[in-house]
Each structure stands twice: as C-alpha cells, then as structure tokens.
Amino acid sequence: MTRIFASYRAAGLAVLASVALLTACDPNRIYEENVDLKSPTGDPYVWDVQQRPAFTFNIADPAARYDVYFNVRNASGYGFYNLYIKHTLTGPTGRLVGPALLHQLVLMNPKTGEPLGSGAGDIFDHEFLALRQVKFPRAGTYKLTLEQYMRQNKLPGIMDVGIRVEKMK
C-alpha cells in the first residue's frame, strides 16, 4: 500500500514539475488572452463590427519597454487576404494613451491565396507585432480594445483574437 501511494506521489510531483516548467518557459510574457468570436445571434467564427474585445493588463515597471502582439486565428474560408484592426489603449487614469491606430494584418499571400501563419487543417494562427518597444507612462492597469475595421459588419471566418504583452529583455 505504501508503494502505491509513493508512485502516486511521484506521478503528482512529475505533473507539477511539468506545469511549472511550461509556465517558466516564457518569463518575458506578462499578459496573454484570446477571445472566441461569434455574432450577436450566436453564429460562431463571425466578428461583428459591434463586438470590441477589450483586454486588461497590469504594468508594474513603467521604466521598461514592452512589445504588444495581436493574435488572430482564422479559418481557411476567410474571404480576404488581410484584416484591418483598429486599437485603442486606455491608461490607468482612464485617458487614451496615444492615438487610436489602424493595423493591416496580412493573413494570406495576396497573390497566391496561400494561408500564412501556423496551421493545422483549415485553421491558422497568427501573431503580429503591433506595438514595438512601448514605454507605458505609469504603473497601473491598461485596457487595449480591438475592433475589426473591414468593410462589412459581419466578418465570417475570424475565430478568435487576442493580445500578448511581453517585457523586453
């Protein structure tokens, strides 16, 4: 019986060590979150123009510089080679930090239509460096809001979007 408990304990420690190792692999990441998209009527993989995912993260060291990435997952049936996203960044005081910027994210080769990014089957993941070497003005909680800026209200084929914030080395 003692031998059984010892093997369970060893297995539990191995799992705990694996989880700790996986989370320790990326010490510069301070925040990452992705949001699944669906239309107001519940249709999956549709980014409605009214849907503006917001991501809240904390900056502890305003002296450091940070890179902010946009994450996009799309289905191969997405109808465009690119995706326009506008972002707004709000600081701890509730005021905008910098201007709202429009980003063009290229999801497919414009000439061949071949999907870019990493993928399996008909799903493709992309990570775009959107804000390089950002210096946040003060410590506190920031909110970054994304909105699709394409020419149609319902944008099918975009499965989820998100952001990743990394402290530069």
N, C-alpha and C. Protein backbone atom coordinates (compact mmCIF):
# COMPACT_ATOMS: atom_id res chain seq x y z
N MET A 1 0.83 -1.19 0.00
CA MET A 1 0.00 0.00 0.00
C MET A 1 0.87 1.25 0.00
N THR A 2 1.94 1.24 0.77
CA THR A 2 2.86 2.38 0.82
C THR A 2 3.50 2.61 -0.54
N ARG A 3 3.79 1.50 -1.24
CA ARG A 3 4.39 1.60 -2.56
C ARG A 3 3.43 2.28 -3.55
N ILE A 4 2.13 2.01 -3.44
CA ILE A 4 1.13 2.62 -4.33
C ILE A 4 1.08 4.12 -4.10
N PHE A 5 1.02 4.54 -2.82
CA PHE A 5 0.99 5.97 -2.51
C PHE A 5 2.27 6.66 -2.98
N ALA A 6 3.40 5.98 -2.86
CA ALA A 6 4.67 6.56 -3.31
C ALA A 6 4.66 6.78 -4.82
N SER A 7 4.08 5.84 -5.59
CA SER A 7 4.04 6.00 -7.04
C SER A 7 3.07 7.12 -7.43
N TYR A 8 1.93 7.26 -6.72
CA TYR A 8 1.00 8.36 -6.98
C TYR A 8 1.66 9.70 -6.65
N ARG A 9 2.39 9.72 -5.55
CA ARG A 9 3.08 10.95 -5.14
C ARG A 9 4.13 11.33 -6.18
N ALA A 10 4.89 10.36 -6.66
CA ALA A 10 5.91 10.62 -7.67
C ALA A 10 5.27 11.13 -8.97
N ALA A 11 4.15 10.52 -9.36
CA ALA A 11 3.45 10.96 -10.57
C ALA A 11 2.92 12.38 -10.39
N GLY A 12 2.39 12.68 -9.22
CA GLY A 12 1.88 14.03 -8.94
C GLY A 12 2.99 15.06 -8.99
N LEU A 13 4.15 14.72 -8.44
CA LEU A 13 5.28 15.64 -8.47
C LEU A 13 5.77 15.85 -9.90
N ALA A 14 5.74 14.80 -10.71
CA ALA A 14 6.16 14.93 -12.11
C ALA A 14 5.21 15.86 -12.87
N VAL A 15 3.92 15.73 -12.64
CA VAL A 15 2.94 16.61 -13.30
C VAL A 15 3.14 18.05 -12.84
N LEU A 16 3.32 18.25 -11.56
CA LEU A 16 3.53 19.59 -11.01
C LEU A 16 4.81 20.21 -11.59
N ALA A 17 5.86 19.43 -11.70
CA ALA A 17 7.12 19.92 -12.27
C ALA A 17 6.94 20.28 -13.74
N SER A 18 6.17 19.49 -14.48
CA SER A 18 5.93 19.78 -15.89
C SER A 18 5.17 21.09 -16.06
N VAL A 19 4.14 21.31 -15.24
CA VAL A 19 3.37 22.55 -15.31
C VAL A 19 4.26 23.74 -14.98
N ALA A 20 5.07 23.62 -13.95
CA ALA A 20 5.98 24.70 -13.57
C ALA A 20 6.97 24.99 -14.70
N LEU A 21 7.47 23.97 -15.35
CA LEU A 21 8.42 24.14 -16.44
C LEU A 21 7.77 24.85 -17.62
N LEU A 22 6.55 24.46 -17.96
CA LEU A 22 5.85 25.08 -19.08
C LEU A 22 5.57 26.55 -18.83
N THR A 23 5.18 26.92 -17.62
CA THR A 23 4.89 28.32 -17.34
C THR A 23 6.16 29.13 -17.21
N ALA A 24 7.28 28.50 -16.88
CA ALA A 24 8.54 29.21 -16.74
C ALA A 24 9.25 29.41 -18.07
N CYS A 25 8.78 28.80 -19.13
CA CYS A 25 9.44 28.89 -20.43
C CYS A 25 9.38 30.28 -21.03
N ASP A 26 8.47 31.11 -20.61
CA ASP A 26 8.27 32.41 -21.21
C ASP A 26 8.25 33.49 -20.13
N PRO A 27 9.40 33.79 -19.54
CA PRO A 27 9.43 34.73 -18.41
C PRO A 27 9.14 36.18 -18.80
N ASN A 28 9.25 36.53 -20.08
CA ASN A 28 9.01 37.92 -20.50
C ASN A 28 7.53 38.22 -20.73
N ARG A 29 6.72 37.19 -20.89
CA ARG A 29 5.29 37.42 -21.13
C ARG A 29 4.65 37.87 -19.82
N ILE A 30 4.01 39.03 -19.86
CA ILE A 30 3.31 39.48 -18.66
C ILE A 30 1.80 39.33 -18.80
N TYR A 31 1.32 39.15 -20.06
CA TYR A 31 -0.12 39.00 -20.26
C TYR A 31 -0.37 38.38 -21.63
N GLU A 32 -1.34 37.48 -21.69
CA GLU A 32 -1.83 36.96 -22.96
C GLU A 32 -3.24 36.45 -22.76
N GLU A 33 -4.12 36.87 -23.66
CA GLU A 33 -5.51 36.40 -23.62
C GLU A 33 -6.08 36.45 -25.03
N ASN A 34 -6.89 35.45 -25.35
CA ASN A 34 -7.60 35.40 -26.63
C ASN A 34 -9.08 35.24 -26.35
N VAL A 35 -9.91 35.79 -27.24
CA VAL A 35 -11.36 35.77 -27.08
C VAL A 35 -11.98 35.09 -28.29
N ASP A 36 -12.81 34.08 -28.05
CA ASP A 36 -13.56 33.44 -29.13
C ASP A 36 -14.61 34.41 -29.65
N LEU A 37 -14.80 34.44 -30.97
CA LEU A 37 -15.75 35.37 -31.57
C LEU A 37 -16.98 34.64 -32.07
N LYS A 38 -18.12 35.28 -31.90
CA LYS A 38 -19.37 34.82 -32.50
C LYS A 38 -20.29 36.02 -32.63
N SER A 39 -21.19 35.94 -33.59
CA SER A 39 -22.09 37.06 -33.87
C SER A 39 -23.09 37.23 -32.73
N PRO A 40 -23.77 38.38 -32.66
CA PRO A 40 -24.79 38.57 -31.63
C PRO A 40 -25.91 37.53 -31.70
N THR A 41 -26.13 36.93 -32.87
CA THR A 41 -27.15 35.89 -33.00
C THR A 41 -26.60 34.51 -32.67
N GLY A 42 -25.30 34.45 -32.32
CA GLY A 42 -24.72 33.18 -31.89
C GLY A 42 -23.98 32.41 -32.96
N ASP A 43 -23.85 32.96 -34.16
CA ASP A 43 -23.11 32.28 -35.22
C ASP A 43 -21.62 32.26 -34.86
N PRO A 44 -21.01 31.09 -34.80
CA PRO A 44 -19.59 31.03 -34.43
C PRO A 44 -18.70 31.56 -35.54
N TYR A 45 -17.54 32.03 -35.15
CA TYR A 45 -16.49 32.48 -36.07
C TYR A 45 -16.93 33.65 -36.94
N VAL A 46 -17.66 34.57 -36.32
CA VAL A 46 -18.08 35.79 -37.00
C VAL A 46 -17.71 36.96 -36.10
N TRP A 47 -16.93 37.90 -36.65
CA TRP A 47 -16.58 39.10 -35.90
C TRP A 47 -17.49 40.22 -36.33
N ASP A 48 -18.46 40.53 -35.50
CA ASP A 48 -19.41 41.60 -35.76
C ASP A 48 -18.74 42.94 -35.47
N VAL A 49 -19.04 43.94 -36.27
CA VAL A 49 -18.43 45.25 -36.12
C VAL A 49 -18.73 45.86 -34.74
N GLN A 50 -19.84 45.46 -34.12
CA GLN A 50 -20.19 45.97 -32.80
C GLN A 50 -19.40 45.30 -31.68
N GLN A 51 -18.78 44.18 -31.99
CA GLN A 51 -18.03 43.42 -30.99
C GLN A 51 -16.61 44.00 -30.89
N ARG A 52 -16.28 44.52 -29.72
CA ARG A 52 -14.97 45.13 -29.49
C ARG A 52 -14.30 44.48 -28.29
N PRO A 53 -13.58 43.40 -28.52
CA PRO A 53 -12.91 42.74 -27.39
C PRO A 53 -11.94 43.68 -26.69
N ALA A 54 -11.99 43.67 -25.37
CA ALA A 54 -11.12 44.52 -24.56
C ALA A 54 -10.28 43.63 -23.65
N PHE A 55 -9.02 43.99 -23.50
CA PHE A 55 -8.06 43.22 -22.73
C PHE A 55 -7.42 44.13 -21.69
N THR A 56 -7.49 43.70 -20.45
CA THR A 56 -6.99 44.50 -19.34
C THR A 56 -5.74 43.82 -18.76
N PHE A 57 -4.67 44.58 -18.66
CA PHE A 57 -3.41 44.04 -18.15
C PHE A 57 -2.74 45.07 -17.25
N ASN A 58 -1.84 44.59 -16.42
CA ASN A 58 -1.17 45.45 -15.46
C ASN A 58 0.29 45.66 -15.85
N ILE A 59 0.74 46.90 -15.78
CA ILE A 59 2.13 47.25 -16.00
C ILE A 59 2.71 47.64 -14.65
N ALA A 60 3.70 46.88 -14.20
CA ALA A 60 4.31 47.13 -12.89
C ALA A 60 5.56 48.00 -13.01
N ASP A 61 6.24 47.94 -14.16
CA ASP A 61 7.52 48.63 -14.33
C ASP A 61 7.42 49.62 -15.50
N PRO A 62 7.08 50.90 -15.22
CA PRO A 62 6.94 51.86 -16.32
C PRO A 62 8.29 52.26 -16.94
N ALA A 63 9.40 51.93 -16.32
CA ALA A 63 10.71 52.25 -16.89
C ALA A 63 11.09 51.28 -18.01
N ALA A 64 10.47 50.11 -18.02
CA ALA A 64 10.78 49.09 -19.03
C ALA A 64 10.06 49.39 -20.34
N ARG A 65 10.49 48.69 -21.38
CA ARG A 65 9.81 48.76 -22.68
C ARG A 65 9.14 47.42 -22.93
N TYR A 66 8.04 47.48 -23.69
CA TYR A 66 7.21 46.30 -23.91
C TYR A 66 6.88 46.18 -25.39
N ASP A 67 6.72 44.93 -25.85
CA ASP A 67 6.18 44.64 -27.18
C ASP A 67 4.77 44.11 -27.01
N VAL A 68 3.86 44.59 -27.86
CA VAL A 68 2.47 44.15 -27.81
C VAL A 68 2.16 43.47 -29.14
N TYR A 69 1.67 42.25 -29.05
CA TYR A 69 1.33 41.45 -30.23
C TYR A 69 -0.18 41.29 -30.32
N PHE A 70 -0.68 41.19 -31.56
CA PHE A 70 -2.07 40.81 -31.80
C PHE A 70 -2.07 39.35 -32.24
N ASN A 71 -2.94 38.56 -31.65
CA ASN A 71 -3.14 37.17 -32.03
C ASN A 71 -4.42 37.06 -32.84
N VAL A 72 -4.38 36.33 -33.94
CA VAL A 72 -5.56 36.12 -34.77
C VAL A 72 -5.61 34.65 -35.16
N ARG A 73 -6.77 34.05 -35.03
CA ARG A 73 -7.00 32.69 -35.53
C ARG A 73 -8.11 32.79 -36.57
N ASN A 74 -7.83 32.27 -37.77
CA ASN A 74 -8.85 32.32 -38.82
C ASN A 74 -9.01 30.95 -39.48
N ALA A 75 -10.19 30.76 -40.05
CA ALA A 75 -10.46 29.56 -40.84
C ALA A 75 -10.00 29.83 -42.26
N SER A 76 -9.66 28.77 -42.98
CA SER A 76 -9.17 28.94 -44.36
C SER A 76 -10.24 29.55 -45.26
N GLY A 77 -11.49 29.48 -44.87
CA GLY A 77 -12.57 30.05 -45.66
C GLY A 77 -12.74 31.54 -45.50
N TYR A 78 -11.88 32.18 -44.69
CA TYR A 78 -11.94 33.63 -44.53
C TYR A 78 -11.81 34.27 -45.90
N GLY A 79 -12.64 35.24 -46.22
CA GLY A 79 -12.77 35.75 -47.58
C GLY A 79 -11.79 36.81 -48.04
N PHE A 80 -10.84 37.20 -47.20
CA PHE A 80 -9.91 38.26 -47.57
C PHE A 80 -8.48 37.81 -47.26
N TYR A 81 -7.51 38.45 -47.90
CA TYR A 81 -6.12 38.11 -47.59
C TYR A 81 -5.62 38.87 -46.37
N ASN A 82 -6.34 39.95 -46.01
CA ASN A 82 -5.88 40.77 -44.90
C ASN A 82 -7.01 41.04 -43.91
N LEU A 83 -6.65 41.68 -42.82
CA LEU A 83 -7.62 42.06 -41.79
C LEU A 83 -7.18 43.40 -41.23
N TYR A 84 -8.10 44.37 -41.29
CA TYR A 84 -7.81 45.66 -40.68
C TYR A 84 -8.38 45.67 -39.27
N ILE A 85 -7.52 46.04 -38.33
CA ILE A 85 -7.91 46.14 -36.92
C ILE A 85 -7.52 47.52 -36.42
N LYS A 86 -8.43 48.15 -35.70
CA LYS A 86 -8.12 49.41 -35.04
C LYS A 86 -8.00 49.13 -33.55
N HIS A 87 -6.99 49.71 -32.91
CA HIS A 87 -6.85 49.51 -31.47
C HIS A 87 -6.90 50.86 -30.75
N THR A 88 -7.42 50.82 -29.53
CA THR A 88 -7.33 51.96 -28.63
C THR A 88 -6.74 51.46 -27.32
N LEU A 89 -5.89 52.29 -26.73
CA LEU A 89 -5.23 51.94 -25.48
C LEU A 89 -5.59 52.99 -24.44
N THR A 90 -6.15 52.52 -23.34
CA THR A 90 -6.55 53.40 -22.25
C THR A 90 -5.66 53.13 -21.05
N GLY A 91 -5.19 54.21 -20.41
CA GLY A 91 -4.28 54.08 -19.28
C GLY A 91 -4.98 54.02 -17.94
N PRO A 92 -4.21 53.96 -16.86
CA PRO A 92 -4.75 53.84 -15.51
C PRO A 92 -5.67 55.00 -15.11
N THR A 93 -5.47 56.17 -15.74
CA THR A 93 -6.31 57.33 -15.40
C THR A 93 -7.61 57.35 -16.18
N GLY A 94 -7.77 56.41 -17.12
CA GLY A 94 -8.96 56.37 -17.96
C GLY A 94 -8.82 57.16 -19.25
N ARG A 95 -7.68 57.79 -19.45
CA ARG A 95 -7.42 58.56 -20.66
C ARG A 95 -6.73 57.70 -21.71
N LEU A 96 -6.93 58.08 -22.98
CA LEU A 96 -6.27 57.39 -24.08
C LEU A 96 -4.76 57.58 -24.00
N VAL A 97 -4.03 56.52 -24.27
CA VAL A 97 -2.58 56.56 -24.34
C VAL A 97 -2.23 56.50 -25.82
N GLY A 98 -1.83 57.61 -26.39
CA GLY A 98 -1.51 57.67 -27.81
C GLY A 98 -2.78 57.64 -28.65
N PRO A 99 -2.61 57.81 -29.94
CA PRO A 99 -3.77 57.80 -30.83
C PRO A 99 -4.28 56.38 -31.09
N ALA A 100 -5.54 56.28 -31.50
CA ALA A 100 -6.07 55.00 -31.97
C ALA A 100 -5.39 54.72 -33.31
N LEU A 101 -4.88 53.52 -33.47
CA LEU A 101 -4.13 53.18 -34.68
C LEU A 101 -4.84 52.09 -35.47
N LEU A 102 -4.70 52.18 -36.79
CA LEU A 102 -5.24 51.17 -37.69
C LEU A 102 -4.09 50.29 -38.15
N HIS A 103 -4.27 48.97 -38.05
CA HIS A 103 -3.26 48.00 -38.43
C HIS A 103 -3.79 47.14 -39.57
N GLN A 104 -2.96 46.90 -40.58
CA GLN A 104 -3.29 45.92 -41.61
C GLN A 104 -2.53 44.64 -41.29
N LEU A 105 -3.25 43.56 -41.03
CA LEU A 105 -2.65 42.26 -40.75
C LEU A 105 -2.84 41.38 -41.98
N VAL A 106 -1.77 40.86 -42.52
CA VAL A 106 -1.84 40.03 -43.73
C VAL A 106 -1.92 38.57 -43.29
N LEU A 107 -3.05 37.93 -43.60
CA LEU A 107 -3.31 36.56 -43.18
C LEU A 107 -2.99 35.54 -44.28
N MET A 108 -3.01 36.00 -45.55
CA MET A 108 -2.76 35.10 -46.68
C MET A 108 -1.89 35.82 -47.70
N ASN A 109 -1.17 35.05 -48.48
CA ASN A 109 -0.38 35.63 -49.55
C ASN A 109 -1.33 36.30 -50.53
N PRO A 110 -1.19 37.62 -50.81
CA PRO A 110 -2.14 38.31 -51.66
C PRO A 110 -2.17 37.80 -53.10
N LYS A 111 -1.08 37.22 -53.58
CA LYS A 111 -1.04 36.75 -54.96
C LYS A 111 -1.53 35.31 -55.10
N THR A 112 -1.10 34.44 -54.19
CA THR A 112 -1.42 33.02 -54.33
C THR A 112 -2.62 32.59 -53.50
N GLY A 113 -2.95 33.38 -52.47
CA GLY A 113 -4.04 32.99 -51.57
C GLY A 113 -3.64 31.95 -50.55
N GLU A 114 -2.35 31.55 -50.56
CA GLU A 114 -1.87 30.57 -49.58
C GLU A 114 -1.92 31.16 -48.18
N PRO A 115 -2.45 30.41 -47.22
CA PRO A 115 -2.51 30.91 -45.86
C PRO A 115 -1.12 31.09 -45.26
N LEU A 116 -0.97 32.14 -44.47
CA LEU A 116 0.25 32.38 -43.72
C LEU A 116 0.00 31.97 -42.28
N GLY A 117 1.00 32.05 -41.46
CA GLY A 117 0.84 31.66 -40.06
C GLY A 117 1.04 30.17 -39.89
N SER A 118 0.83 29.70 -38.67
CA SER A 118 0.94 28.27 -38.41
C SER A 118 -0.45 27.68 -38.41
N GLY A 119 -0.56 26.47 -38.92
CA GLY A 119 -1.90 25.91 -39.01
C GLY A 119 -1.93 24.42 -39.03
N ALA A 120 -3.13 23.94 -38.78
CA ALA A 120 -3.41 22.51 -38.87
C ALA A 120 -4.78 22.39 -39.54
N GLY A 121 -4.83 21.68 -40.65
CA GLY A 121 -6.10 21.56 -41.36
C GLY A 121 -6.47 22.89 -41.97
N ASP A 122 -7.63 23.40 -41.60
CA ASP A 122 -8.09 24.66 -42.17
C ASP A 122 -8.14 25.79 -41.14
N ILE A 123 -7.36 25.68 -40.07
CA ILE A 123 -7.31 26.70 -39.02
C ILE A 123 -5.88 27.23 -38.94
N PHE A 124 -5.74 28.56 -38.93
CA PHE A 124 -4.42 29.18 -38.95
C PHE A 124 -4.29 30.21 -37.84
N ASP A 125 -3.15 30.16 -37.15
CA ASP A 125 -2.85 31.08 -36.05
C ASP A 125 -1.78 32.06 -36.50
N HIS A 126 -1.96 33.32 -36.11
CA HIS A 126 -1.03 34.38 -36.47
C HIS A 126 -0.70 35.19 -35.23
N GLU A 127 0.54 35.66 -35.17
CA GLU A 127 0.96 36.59 -34.12
C GLU A 127 1.66 37.74 -34.82
N PHE A 128 1.12 38.95 -34.64
CA PHE A 128 1.65 40.14 -35.30
C PHE A 128 2.19 41.10 -34.26
N LEU A 129 3.42 41.57 -34.45
CA LEU A 129 3.97 42.59 -33.58
C LEU A 129 3.28 43.90 -33.95
N ALA A 130 2.42 44.38 -33.07
CA ALA A 130 1.60 45.55 -33.36
C ALA A 130 2.19 46.83 -32.78
N LEU A 131 2.72 46.75 -31.59
CA LEU A 131 3.33 47.91 -30.92
C LEU A 131 4.71 47.51 -30.45
N ARG A 132 5.71 48.14 -31.00
CA ARG A 132 7.10 47.78 -30.72
C ARG A 132 7.70 48.74 -29.69
N GLN A 133 8.35 48.18 -28.69
CA GLN A 133 9.10 48.94 -27.70
C GLN A 133 8.28 50.07 -27.06
N VAL A 134 7.09 49.72 -26.63
CA VAL A 134 6.20 50.70 -25.98
C VAL A 134 6.71 51.00 -24.59
N LYS A 135 6.69 52.26 -24.23
CA LYS A 135 7.02 52.67 -22.87
C LYS A 135 5.73 53.23 -22.27
N PHE A 136 5.15 52.48 -21.34
CA PHE A 136 3.92 52.92 -20.71
C PHE A 136 4.25 54.05 -19.73
N PRO A 137 3.43 55.11 -19.71
CA PRO A 137 3.79 56.30 -18.92
C PRO A 137 3.80 56.10 -17.41
N ARG A 138 3.01 55.18 -16.88
CA ARG A 138 2.99 54.96 -15.43
C ARG A 138 2.56 53.53 -15.13
N ALA A 139 2.86 53.10 -13.94
CA ALA A 139 2.43 51.77 -13.49
C ALA A 139 0.91 51.78 -13.32
N GLY A 140 0.30 50.64 -13.52
CA GLY A 140 -1.15 50.53 -13.32
C GLY A 140 -1.80 49.63 -14.35
N THR A 141 -3.12 49.71 -14.40
CA THR A 141 -3.93 48.86 -15.26
C THR A 141 -4.24 49.57 -16.57
N TYR A 142 -3.95 48.88 -17.67
CA TYR A 142 -4.21 49.39 -19.01
C TYR A 142 -5.27 48.52 -19.68
N LYS A 143 -6.00 49.13 -20.60
CA LYS A 143 -7.02 48.38 -21.36
C LYS A 143 -6.79 48.64 -22.85
N LEU A 144 -6.61 47.55 -23.59
CA LEU A 144 -6.45 47.63 -25.03
C LEU A 144 -7.70 47.03 -25.68
N THR A 145 -8.36 47.83 -26.52
CA THR A 145 -9.61 47.41 -27.17
C THR A 145 -9.34 47.26 -28.67
N LEU A 146 -9.84 46.16 -29.24
CA LEU A 146 -9.70 45.89 -30.67
C LEU A 146 -11.05 45.99 -31.35
N GLU A 147 -11.05 46.48 -32.58
CA GLU A 147 -12.26 46.42 -33.39
C GLU A 147 -11.88 46.13 -34.83
N GLN A 148 -12.69 45.31 -35.46
CA GLN A 148 -12.44 45.00 -36.87
C GLN A 148 -12.84 46.21 -37.69
N TYR A 149 -12.03 46.52 -38.69
CA TYR A 149 -12.24 47.73 -39.48
C TYR A 149 -12.32 47.38 -40.96
N MET A 150 -13.02 46.29 -41.25
CA MET A 150 -13.21 45.87 -42.63
C MET A 150 -14.47 46.56 -43.16
N ARG A 151 -14.82 46.30 -44.38
CA ARG A 151 -15.95 47.00 -45.00
C ARG A 151 -17.24 46.21 -44.93
N GLN A 152 -17.36 45.34 -43.97
CA GLN A 152 -18.62 44.64 -43.77
C GLN A 152 -18.86 44.46 -42.28
N ASN A 153 -20.12 44.52 -41.90
CA ASN A 153 -20.48 44.48 -40.48
C ASN A 153 -20.22 43.13 -39.84
N LYS A 154 -20.49 42.06 -40.54
CA LYS A 154 -20.26 40.71 -40.03
C LYS A 154 -19.14 40.09 -40.84
N LEU A 155 -18.08 39.73 -40.14
CA LEU A 155 -16.88 39.24 -40.80
C LEU A 155 -16.71 37.75 -40.48
N PRO A 156 -17.19 36.86 -41.37
CA PRO A 156 -17.07 35.42 -41.09
C PRO A 156 -15.66 34.91 -41.32
N GLY A 157 -15.29 33.90 -40.53
CA GLY A 157 -14.01 33.23 -40.70
C GLY A 157 -12.95 33.64 -39.71
N ILE A 158 -13.18 34.67 -38.92
CA ILE A 158 -12.24 35.04 -37.86
C ILE A 158 -12.74 34.34 -36.60
N MET A 159 -11.94 33.42 -36.09
CA MET A 159 -12.37 32.57 -34.99
C MET A 159 -12.12 33.20 -33.63
N ASP A 160 -10.94 33.77 -33.45
CA ASP A 160 -10.67 34.49 -32.21
C ASP A 160 -9.54 35.49 -32.41
N VAL A 161 -9.51 36.47 -31.50
CA VAL A 161 -8.47 37.50 -31.49
C VAL A 161 -7.99 37.66 -30.06
N GLY A 162 -6.80 38.21 -29.94
CA GLY A 162 -6.26 38.43 -28.60
C GLY A 162 -5.03 39.28 -28.65
N ILE A 163 -4.45 39.48 -27.47
CA ILE A 163 -3.21 40.24 -27.39
C ILE A 163 -2.22 39.49 -26.50
N ARG A 164 -0.98 39.85 -26.68
CA ARG A 164 0.11 39.33 -25.86
C ARG A 164 1.01 40.52 -25.56
N VAL A 165 1.38 40.68 -24.30
CA VAL A 165 2.28 41.76 -23.88
C VAL A 165 3.53 41.12 -23.30
N GLU A 166 4.70 41.53 -23.84
CA GLU A 166 5.97 40.99 -23.38
C GLU A 166 6.87 42.13 -22.92
N LYS A 167 7.53 41.92 -21.81
CA LYS A 167 8.55 42.86 -21.35
C LYS A 167 9.81 42.58 -22.13
N MET A 168 10.42 43.61 -22.68
CA MET A 168 11.64 43.42 -23.47
C MET A 168 12.80 43.07 -22.56
N LYS A 169 13.72 42.29 -23.09
CA LYS A 169 14.88 41.83 -22.32
C LYS A 169 15.85 42.96 -22.10
